[in-house]
Amino acid sequence: MQTRLAGAVDHLRVRLVDDVHCSWRWATTWLNLAGTAVLTYALEHEAVVNTLLPFLPASLKPYSPILGLLWGVLVQAARSMKQQRS
């Protein structure tokens, strides 16, 4: 009885590790795809967003410097990614 229980616990432990590993691979794949899409968007629409950034709604005005900084980081990352691919 105790051997069966230990075997069942080992089986569940192995199964849990496999499930977590597969979930992690799935999540990193989707995050990678989403990141690439965001960087591509940033590179393609850089001029549009730079033009619209000063005209944020009043509720977002306090966050304008932070949003501008984040946008700049995104654009730099997109340029870097494009250079690496070339």
PDB file of N, CA and C in Angstrom:
ATOM      1  N   MET A   1       0.826  -1.197   0.000  1.00  0.00           N
ATOM      2  CA  MET A   1       0.000   0.000   0.000  1.00  0.00           C
ATOM      3  C   MET A   1       0.865   1.253   0.000  1.00  0.00           C
ATOM      4  N   GLN A   2       1.880   1.261   0.862  1.00  0.00           N
ATOM      5  CA  GLN A   2       2.743   2.426   0.965  1.00  0.00           C
ATOM      6  C   GLN A   2       3.568   2.599  -0.318  1.00  0.00           C
ATOM      7  N   THR A   3       3.966   1.494  -0.936  1.00  0.00           N
ATOM      8  CA  THR A   3       4.724   1.556  -2.182  1.00  0.00           C
ATOM      9  C   THR A   3       3.857   2.141  -3.294  1.00  0.00           C
ATOM     10  N   ARG A   4       2.599   1.717  -3.328  1.00  0.00           N
ATOM     11  CA  ARG A   4       1.670   2.258  -4.332  1.00  0.00           C
ATOM     12  C   ARG A   4       1.483   3.766  -4.166  1.00  0.00           C
ATOM     13  N   LEU A   5       1.341   4.167  -2.922  1.00  0.00           N
ATOM     14  CA  LEU A   5       1.148   5.585  -2.634  1.00  0.00           C
ATOM     15  C   LEU A   5       2.388   6.393  -3.047  1.00  0.00           C
ATOM     16  N   ALA A   6       3.557   5.870  -2.737  1.00  0.00           N
ATOM     17  CA  ALA A   6       4.796   6.555  -3.119  1.00  0.00           C
ATOM     18  C   ALA A   6       4.906   6.630  -4.638  1.00  0.00           C
ATOM     19  N   GLY A   7       4.523   5.561  -5.333  1.00  0.00           N
ATOM     20  CA  GLY A   7       4.553   5.566  -6.795  1.00  0.00           C
ATOM     21  C   GLY A   7       3.585   6.573  -7.375  1.00  0.00           C
ATOM     22  N   ALA A   8       2.420   6.679  -6.781  1.00  0.00           N
ATOM     23  CA  ALA A   8       1.419   7.642  -7.253  1.00  0.00           C
ATOM     24  C   ALA A   8       1.902   9.076  -7.025  1.00  0.00           C
ATOM     25  N   VAL A   9       2.515   9.313  -5.880  1.00  0.00           N
ATOM     26  CA  VAL A   9       3.042  10.649  -5.586  1.00  0.00           C
ATOM     27  C   VAL A   9       4.160  10.997  -6.568  1.00  0.00           C
ATOM     28  N   ASP A  10       5.045  10.026  -6.849  1.00  0.00           N
ATOM     29  CA  ASP A  10       6.115  10.271  -7.826  1.00  0.00           C
ATOM     30  C   ASP A  10       5.545  10.569  -9.202  1.00  0.00           C
ATOM     31  N   HIS A  11       4.531   9.823  -9.588  1.00  0.00           N
ATOM     32  CA  HIS A  11       3.904  10.040 -10.891  1.00  0.00           C
ATOM     33  C   HIS A  11       3.297  11.445 -10.975  1.00  0.00           C
ATOM     34  N   LEU A  12       2.601  11.873  -9.926  1.00  0.00           N
ATOM     35  CA  LEU A  12       2.008  13.209  -9.907  1.00  0.00           C
ATOM     36  C   LEU A  12       3.077  14.299  -9.939  1.00  0.00           C
ATOM     37  N   ARG A  13       4.165  14.056  -9.216  1.00  0.00           N
ATOM     38  CA  ARG A  13       5.250  15.037  -9.196  1.00  0.00           C
ATOM     39  C   ARG A  13       5.866  15.186 -10.584  1.00  0.00           C
ATOM     40  N   VAL A  14       6.132  14.088 -11.261  1.00  0.00           N
ATOM     41  CA  VAL A  14       6.686  14.126 -12.616  1.00  0.00           C
ATOM     42  C   VAL A  14       5.699  14.794 -13.573  1.00  0.00           C
ATOM     43  N   ARG A  15       4.435  14.457 -13.432  1.00  0.00           N
ATOM     44  CA  ARG A  15       3.410  15.044 -14.304  1.00  0.00           C
ATOM     45  C   ARG A  15       3.307  16.549 -14.097  1.00  0.00           C
ATOM     46  N   LEU A  16       3.369  16.987 -12.850  1.00  0.00           N
ATOM     47  CA  LEU A  16       3.292  18.408 -12.537  1.00  0.00           C
ATOM     48  C   LEU A  16       4.497  19.147 -13.125  1.00  0.00           C
ATOM     49  N   VAL A  17       5.689  18.580 -12.985  1.00  0.00           N
ATOM     50  CA  VAL A  17       6.889  19.212 -13.544  1.00  0.00           C
ATOM     51  C   VAL A  17       6.769  19.314 -15.057  1.00  0.00           C
ATOM     52  N   ASP A  18       6.282  18.264 -15.715  1.00  0.00           N
ATOM     53  CA  ASP A  18       6.100  18.296 -17.172  1.00  0.00           C
ATOM     54  C   ASP A  18       5.082  19.360 -17.580  1.00  0.00           C
ATOM     55  N   ASP A  19       3.973  19.447 -16.846  1.00  0.00           N
ATOM     56  CA  ASP A  19       2.942  20.439 -17.159  1.00  0.00           C
ATOM     57  C   ASP A  19       3.464  21.860 -17.000  1.00  0.00           C
ATOM     58  N   VAL A  20       4.206  22.102 -15.922  1.00  0.00           N
ATOM     59  CA  VAL A  20       4.757  23.434 -15.697  1.00  0.00           C
ATOM     60  C   VAL A  20       5.759  23.776 -16.799  1.00  0.00           C
ATOM     61  N   HIS A  21       6.578  22.805 -17.186  1.00  0.00           N
ATOM     62  CA  HIS A  21       7.570  23.043 -18.241  1.00  0.00           C
ATOM     63  C   HIS A  21       6.879  23.367 -19.566  1.00  0.00           C
ATOM     64  N   CYS A  22       5.831  22.630 -19.916  1.00  0.00           N
ATOM     65  CA  CYS A  22       5.094  22.899 -21.159  1.00  0.00           C
ATOM     66  C   CYS A  22       4.397  24.257 -21.091  1.00  0.00           C
ATOM     67  N   SER A  23       3.810  24.577 -19.955  1.00  0.00           N
ATOM     68  CA  SER A  23       3.151  25.868 -19.802  1.00  0.00           C
ATOM     69  C   SER A  23       4.151  27.009 -19.921  1.00  0.00           C
ATOM     70  N   TRP A  24       5.330  26.821 -19.363  1.00  0.00           N
ATOM     71  CA  TRP A  24       6.355  27.851 -19.436  1.00  0.00           C
ATOM     72  C   TRP A  24       6.805  28.049 -20.878  1.00  0.00           C
ATOM     73  N   ARG A  25       7.003  26.968 -21.610  1.00  0.00           N
ATOM     74  CA  ARG A  25       7.392  27.080 -23.024  1.00  0.00           C
ATOM     75  C   ARG A  25       6.304  27.778 -23.817  1.00  0.00           C
ATOM     76  N   TRP A  26       5.043  27.429 -23.568  1.00  0.00           N
ATOM     77  CA  TRP A  26       3.920  28.055 -24.270  1.00  0.00           C
ATOM     78  C   TRP A  26       3.879  29.544 -23.965  1.00  0.00           C
ATOM     79  N   ALA A  27       4.030  29.902 -22.692  1.00  0.00           N
ATOM     80  CA  ALA A  27       3.965  31.312 -22.291  1.00  0.00           C
ATOM     81  C   ALA A  27       5.120  32.112 -22.891  1.00  0.00           C
ATOM     82  N   THR A  28       6.323  31.564 -22.875  1.00  0.00           N
ATOM     83  CA  THR A  28       7.454  32.312 -23.426  1.00  0.00           C
ATOM     84  C   THR A  28       7.326  32.471 -24.933  1.00  0.00           C
ATOM     85  N   THR A  29       6.769  31.487 -25.604  1.00  0.00           N
ATOM     86  CA  THR A  29       6.554  31.606 -27.053  1.00  0.00           C
ATOM     87  C   THR A  29       5.589  32.739 -27.351  1.00  0.00           C
ATOM     88  N   TRP A  30       4.478  32.792 -26.643  1.00  0.00           N
ATOM     89  CA  TRP A  30       3.488  33.842 -26.881  1.00  0.00           C
ATOM     90  C   TRP A  30       4.007  35.213 -26.471  1.00  0.00           C
ATOM     91  N   LEU A  31       4.770  35.278 -25.391  1.00  0.00           N
ATOM     92  CA  LEU A  31       5.357  36.561 -24.989  1.00  0.00           C
ATOM     93  C   LEU A  31       6.361  37.045 -26.033  1.00  0.00           C
ATOM     94  N   ASN A  32       7.121  36.124 -26.584  1.00  0.00           N
ATOM     95  CA  ASN A  32       8.075  36.476 -27.630  1.00  0.00           C
ATOM     96  C   ASN A  32       7.353  37.019 -28.860  1.00  0.00           C
ATOM     97  N   LEU A  33       6.281  36.345 -29.269  1.00  0.00           N
ATOM     98  CA  LEU A  33       5.507  36.814 -30.418  1.00  0.00           C
ATOM     99  C   LEU A  33       4.871  38.178 -30.148  1.00  0.00           C
ATOM    100  N   ALA A  34       4.319  38.357 -28.963  1.00  0.00           N
ATOM    101  CA  ALA A  34       3.696  39.635 -28.614  1.00  0.00           C
ATOM    102  C   ALA A  34       4.744  40.751 -28.571  1.00  0.00           C
ATOM    103  N   GLY A  35       5.893  40.459 -28.012  1.00  0.00           N
ATOM    104  CA  GLY A  35       6.965  41.453 -27.964  1.00  0.00           C
ATOM    105  C   GLY A  35       7.424  41.864 -29.346  1.00  0.00           C
ATOM    106  N   THR A  36       7.563  40.890 -30.232  1.00  0.00           N
ATOM    107  CA  THR A  36       7.962  41.199 -31.606  1.00  0.00           C
ATOM    108  C   THR A  36       6.907  42.048 -32.292  1.00  0.00           C
ATOM    109  N   ALA A  37       5.637  41.744 -32.062  1.00  0.00           N
ATOM    110  CA  ALA A  37       4.556  42.524 -32.669  1.00  0.00           C
ATOM    111  C   ALA A  37       4.572  43.967 -32.157  1.00  0.00           C
ATOM    112  N   VAL A  38       4.771  44.151 -30.868  1.00  0.00           N
ATOM    113  CA  VAL A  38       4.807  45.498 -30.297  1.00  0.00           C
ATOM    114  C   VAL A  38       5.993  46.281 -30.852  1.00  0.00           C
ATOM    115  N   LEU A  39       7.153  45.632 -30.941  1.00  0.00           N
ATOM    116  CA  LEU A  39       8.327  46.326 -31.463  1.00  0.00           C
ATOM    117  C   LEU A  39       8.157  46.677 -32.935  1.00  0.00           C
ATOM    118  N   THR A  40       7.551  45.788 -33.698  1.00  0.00           N
ATOM    119  CA  THR A  40       7.294  46.072 -35.115  1.00  0.00           C
ATOM    120  C   THR A  40       6.334  47.243 -35.248  1.00  0.00           C
ATOM    121  N   TYR A  41       5.288  47.251 -34.442  1.00  0.00           N
ATOM    122  CA  TYR A  41       4.329  48.358 -34.452  1.00  0.00           C
ATOM    123  C   TYR A  41       5.036  49.673 -34.100  1.00  0.00           C
ATOM    124  N   ALA A  42       5.887  49.629 -33.083  1.00  0.00           N
ATOM    125  CA  ALA A  42       6.595  50.835 -32.653  1.00  0.00           C
ATOM    126  C   ALA A  42       7.449  51.390 -33.785  1.00  0.00           C
ATOM    127  N   LEU A  43       8.108  50.527 -34.514  1.00  0.00           N
ATOM    128  CA  LEU A  43       8.973  50.989 -35.591  1.00  0.00           C
ATOM    129  C   LEU A  43       8.166  51.540 -36.758  1.00  0.00           C
ATOM    130  N   GLU A  44       7.051  50.896 -37.072  1.00  0.00           N
ATOM    131  CA  GLU A  44       6.248  51.315 -38.220  1.00  0.00           C
ATOM    132  C   GLU A  44       5.440  52.579 -37.945  1.00  0.00           C
ATOM    133  N   HIS A  45       5.081  52.824 -36.701  1.00  0.00           N
ATOM    134  CA  HIS A  45       4.213  53.966 -36.371  1.00  0.00           C
ATOM    135  C   HIS A  45       4.909  55.002 -35.496  1.00  0.00           C
ATOM    136  N   GLU A  46       6.209  55.035 -35.563  1.00  0.00           N
ATOM    137  CA  GLU A  46       6.976  55.951 -34.717  1.00  0.00           C
ATOM    138  C   GLU A  46       6.561  57.409 -34.933  1.00  0.00           C
ATOM    139  N   ALA A  47       6.462  57.835 -36.174  1.00  0.00           N
ATOM    140  CA  ALA A  47       6.129  59.237 -36.468  1.00  0.00           C
ATOM    141  C   ALA A  47       4.725  59.589 -35.995  1.00  0.00           C
ATOM    142  N   VAL A  48       3.785  58.675 -36.176  1.00  0.00           N
ATOM    143  CA  VAL A  48       2.396  58.947 -35.783  1.00  0.00           C
ATOM    144  C   VAL A  48       2.299  59.125 -34.270  1.00  0.00           C
ATOM    145  N   VAL A  49       2.903  58.219 -33.533  1.00  0.00           N
ATOM    146  CA  VAL A  49       2.815  58.295 -32.075  1.00  0.00           C
ATOM    147  C   VAL A  49       3.575  59.510 -31.554  1.00  0.00           C
ATOM    148  N   ASN A  50       4.742  59.804 -32.133  1.00  0.00           N
ATOM    149  CA  ASN A  50       5.490  60.987 -31.699  1.00  0.00           C
ATOM    150  C   ASN A  50       4.686  62.260 -31.923  1.00  0.00           C
ATOM    151  N   THR A  51       3.882  62.277 -32.977  1.00  0.00           N
ATOM    152  CA  THR A  51       3.039  63.439 -33.259  1.00  0.00           C
ATOM    153  C   THR A  51       1.876  63.533 -32.271  1.00  0.00           C
ATOM    154  N   LEU A  52       1.299  62.399 -31.920  1.00  0.00           N
ATOM    155  CA  LEU A  52       0.113  62.390 -31.056  1.00  0.00           C
ATOM    156  C   LEU A  52       0.441  62.458 -29.561  1.00  0.00           C
ATOM    157  N   LEU A  53       1.655  62.103 -29.190  1.00  0.00           N
ATOM    158  CA  LEU A  53       2.018  62.055 -27.767  1.00  0.00           C
ATOM    159  C   LEU A  53       1.772  63.380 -27.037  1.00  0.00           C
ATOM    160  N   PRO A  54       2.078  64.547 -27.627  1.00  0.00           N
ATOM    161  CA  PRO A  54       1.802  65.802 -26.907  1.00  0.00           C
ATOM    162  C   PRO A  54       0.307  66.086 -26.716  1.00  0.00           C
ATOM    163  N   PHE A  55      -0.545  65.418 -27.473  1.00  0.00           N
ATOM    164  CA  PHE A  55      -1.986  65.695 -27.414  1.00  0.00           C
ATOM    165  C   PHE A  55      -2.749  64.629 -26.623  1.00  0.00           C
ATOM    166  N   LEU A  56      -2.126  64.117 -25.589  1.00  0.00           N
ATOM    167  CA  LEU A  56      -2.783  63.132 -24.743  1.00  0.00           C
ATOM    168  C   LEU A  56      -3.972  63.760 -24.025  1.00  0.00           C
ATOM    169  N   PRO A  57      -4.982  62.942 -23.681  1.00  0.00           N
ATOM    170  CA  PRO A  57      -6.099  63.471 -22.895  1.00  0.00           C
ATOM    171  C   PRO A  57      -5.603  64.010 -21.555  1.00  0.00           C
ATOM    172  N   ALA A  58      -6.367  64.910 -20.983  1.00  0.00           N
ATOM    173  CA  ALA A  58      -5.975  65.560 -19.730  1.00  0.00           C
ATOM    174  C   ALA A  58      -5.712  64.549 -18.616  1.00  0.00           C
ATOM    175  N   SER A  59      -6.447  63.450 -18.616  1.00  0.00           N
ATOM    176  CA  SER A  59      -6.256  62.454 -17.548  1.00  0.00           C
ATOM    177  C   SER A  59      -4.894  61.770 -17.645  1.00  0.00           C
ATOM    178  N   LEU A  60      -4.298  61.765 -18.833  1.00  0.00           N
ATOM    179  CA  LEU A  60      -2.996  61.115 -19.007  1.00  0.00           C
ATOM    180  C   LEU A  60      -1.831  62.104 -19.004  1.00  0.00           C
ATOM    181  N   LYS A  61      -2.110  63.400 -18.968  1.00  0.00           N
ATOM    182  CA  LYS A  61      -1.047  64.408 -19.012  1.00  0.00           C
ATOM    183  C   LYS A  61       0.025  64.200 -17.932  1.00  0.00           C
ATOM    184  N   PRO A  62      -0.346  63.861 -16.692  1.00  0.00           N
ATOM    185  CA  PRO A  62       0.715  63.664 -15.686  1.00  0.00           C
ATOM    186  C   PRO A  62       1.672  62.529 -16.046  1.00  0.00           C
ATOM    187  N   TYR A  63       1.205  61.595 -16.868  1.00  0.00           N
ATOM    188  CA  TYR A  63       2.027  60.448 -17.231  1.00  0.00           C
ATOM    189  C   TYR A  63       2.773  60.656 -18.542  1.00  0.00           C
ATOM    190  N   SER A  64       2.630  61.813 -19.147  1.00  0.00           N
ATOM    191  CA  SER A  64       3.228  62.084 -20.448  1.00  0.00           C
ATOM    192  C   SER A  64       4.742  61.833 -20.485  1.00  0.00           C
ATOM    193  N   PRO A  65       5.524  62.312 -19.499  1.00  0.00           N
ATOM    194  CA  PRO A  65       6.970  62.042 -19.555  1.00  0.00           C
ATOM    195  C   PRO A  65       7.299  60.553 -19.486  1.00  0.00           C
ATOM    196  N   ILE A  66       6.570  59.831 -18.660  1.00  0.00           N
ATOM    197  CA  ILE A  66       6.810  58.393 -18.521  1.00  0.00           C
ATOM    198  C   ILE A  66       6.432  57.673 -19.807  1.00  0.00           C
ATOM    199  N   LEU A  67       5.270  58.026 -20.376  1.00  0.00           N
ATOM    200  CA  LEU A  67       4.841  57.400 -21.625  1.00  0.00           C
ATOM    201  C   LEU A  67       5.815  57.716 -22.756  1.00  0.00           C
ATOM    202  N   GLY A  68       6.303  58.945 -22.795  1.00  0.00           N
ATOM    203  CA  GLY A  68       7.295  59.314 -23.809  1.00  0.00           C
ATOM    204  C   GLY A  68       8.570  58.518 -23.656  1.00  0.00           C
ATOM    205  N   LEU A  69       9.005  58.336 -22.422  1.00  0.00           N
ATOM    206  CA  LEU A  69      10.210  57.546 -22.165  1.00  0.00           C
ATOM    207  C   LEU A  69      10.011  56.090 -22.576  1.00  0.00           C
ATOM    208  N   LEU A  70       8.876  55.518 -22.181  1.00  0.00           N
ATOM    209  CA  LEU A  70       8.596  54.134 -22.560  1.00  0.00           C
ATOM    210  C   LEU A  70       8.526  53.979 -24.078  1.00  0.00           C
ATOM    211  N   TRP A  71       7.902  54.949 -24.737  1.00  0.00           N
ATOM    212  CA  TRP A  71       7.818  54.898 -26.197  1.00  0.00           C
ATOM    213  C   TRP A  71       9.217  54.961 -26.818  1.00  0.00           C
ATOM    214  N   GLY A  72      10.064  55.828 -26.289  1.00  0.00           N
ATOM    215  CA  GLY A  72      11.437  55.928 -26.780  1.00  0.00           C
ATOM    216  C   GLY A  72      12.202  54.626 -26.613  1.00  0.00           C
ATOM    217  N   VAL A  73      12.017  53.977 -25.482  1.00  0.00           N
ATOM    218  CA  VAL A  73      12.676  52.684 -25.239  1.00  0.00           C
ATOM    219  C   VAL A  73      12.171  51.638 -26.232  1.00  0.00           C
ATOM    220  N   LEU A  74      10.864  51.628 -26.479  1.00  0.00           N
ATOM    221  CA  LEU A  74      10.303  50.691 -27.449  1.00  0.00           C
ATOM    222  C   LEU A  74      10.870  50.912 -28.846  1.00  0.00           C
ATOM    223  N   VAL A  75      10.955  52.162 -29.248  1.00  0.00           N
ATOM    224  CA  VAL A  75      11.474  52.470 -30.582  1.00  0.00           C
ATOM    225  C   VAL A  75      12.943  52.066 -30.688  1.00  0.00           C
ATOM    226  N   GLN A  76      13.731  52.340 -29.661  1.00  0.00           N
ATOM    227  CA  GLN A  76      15.138  51.938 -29.680  1.00  0.00           C
ATOM    228  C   GLN A  76      15.284  50.426 -29.753  1.00  0.00           C
ATOM    229  N   ALA A  77      14.464  49.711 -28.997  1.00  0.00           N
ATOM    230  CA  ALA A  77      14.504  48.250 -29.036  1.00  0.00           C
ATOM    231  C   ALA A  77      14.118  47.740 -30.426  1.00  0.00           C
ATOM    232  N   ALA A  78      13.124  48.383 -31.043  1.00  0.00           N
ATOM    233  CA  ALA A  78      12.706  47.969 -32.384  1.00  0.00           C
ATOM    234  C   ALA A  78      13.814  48.223 -33.393  1.00  0.00           C
ATOM    235  N   ARG A  79      14.483  49.365 -33.299  1.00  0.00           N
ATOM    236  CA  ARG A  79      15.601  49.655 -34.212  1.00  0.00           C
ATOM    237  C   ARG A  79      16.719  48.640 -34.031  1.00  0.00           C
ATOM    238  N   SER A  80      17.029  48.320 -32.777  1.00  0.00           N
ATOM    239  CA  SER A  80      18.071  47.340 -32.487  1.00  0.00           C
ATOM    240  C   SER A  80      17.712  45.976 -33.071  1.00  0.00           C
ATOM    241  N   MET A  81      16.448  45.580 -32.899  1.00  0.00           N
ATOM    242  CA  MET A  81      15.993  44.295 -33.432  1.00  0.00           C
ATOM    243  C   MET A  81      16.107  44.282 -34.957  1.00  0.00           C
ATOM    244  N   LYS A  82      15.736  45.381 -35.589  1.00  0.00           N
ATOM    245  CA  LYS A  82      15.799  45.454 -37.046  1.00  0.00           C
ATOM    246  C   LYS A  82      17.247  45.376 -37.536  1.00  0.00           C
ATOM    247  N   GLN A  83      18.166  46.043 -36.833  1.00  0.00           N
ATOM    248  CA  GLN A  83      19.575  46.000 -37.218  1.00  0.00           C
ATOM    249  C   GLN A  83      20.159  44.608 -37.067  1.00  0.00           C
ATOM    250  N   GLN A  84      19.750  43.895 -36.030  1.00  0.00           N
ATOM    251  CA  GLN A  84      20.251  42.540 -35.816  1.00  0.00           C
ATOM    252  C   GLN A  84      19.776  41.596 -36.905  1.00  0.00           C
ATOM    253  N   ARG A  85      18.571  41.812 -37.398  1.00  0.00           N
ATOM    254  CA  ARG A  85      18.024  40.954 -38.446  1.00  0.00           C
ATOM    255  C   ARG A  85      18.623  41.245 -39.809  1.00  0.00           C
ATOM    256  N   SER A  86      19.139  42.464 -39.986  1.00  0.00           N
ATOM    257  CA  SER A  86      19.696  42.851 -41.293  1.00  0.00           C
ATOM    258  C   SER A  86      21.078  42.298 -41.509  1.00  0.00           C
TER     259      SER A  86
END
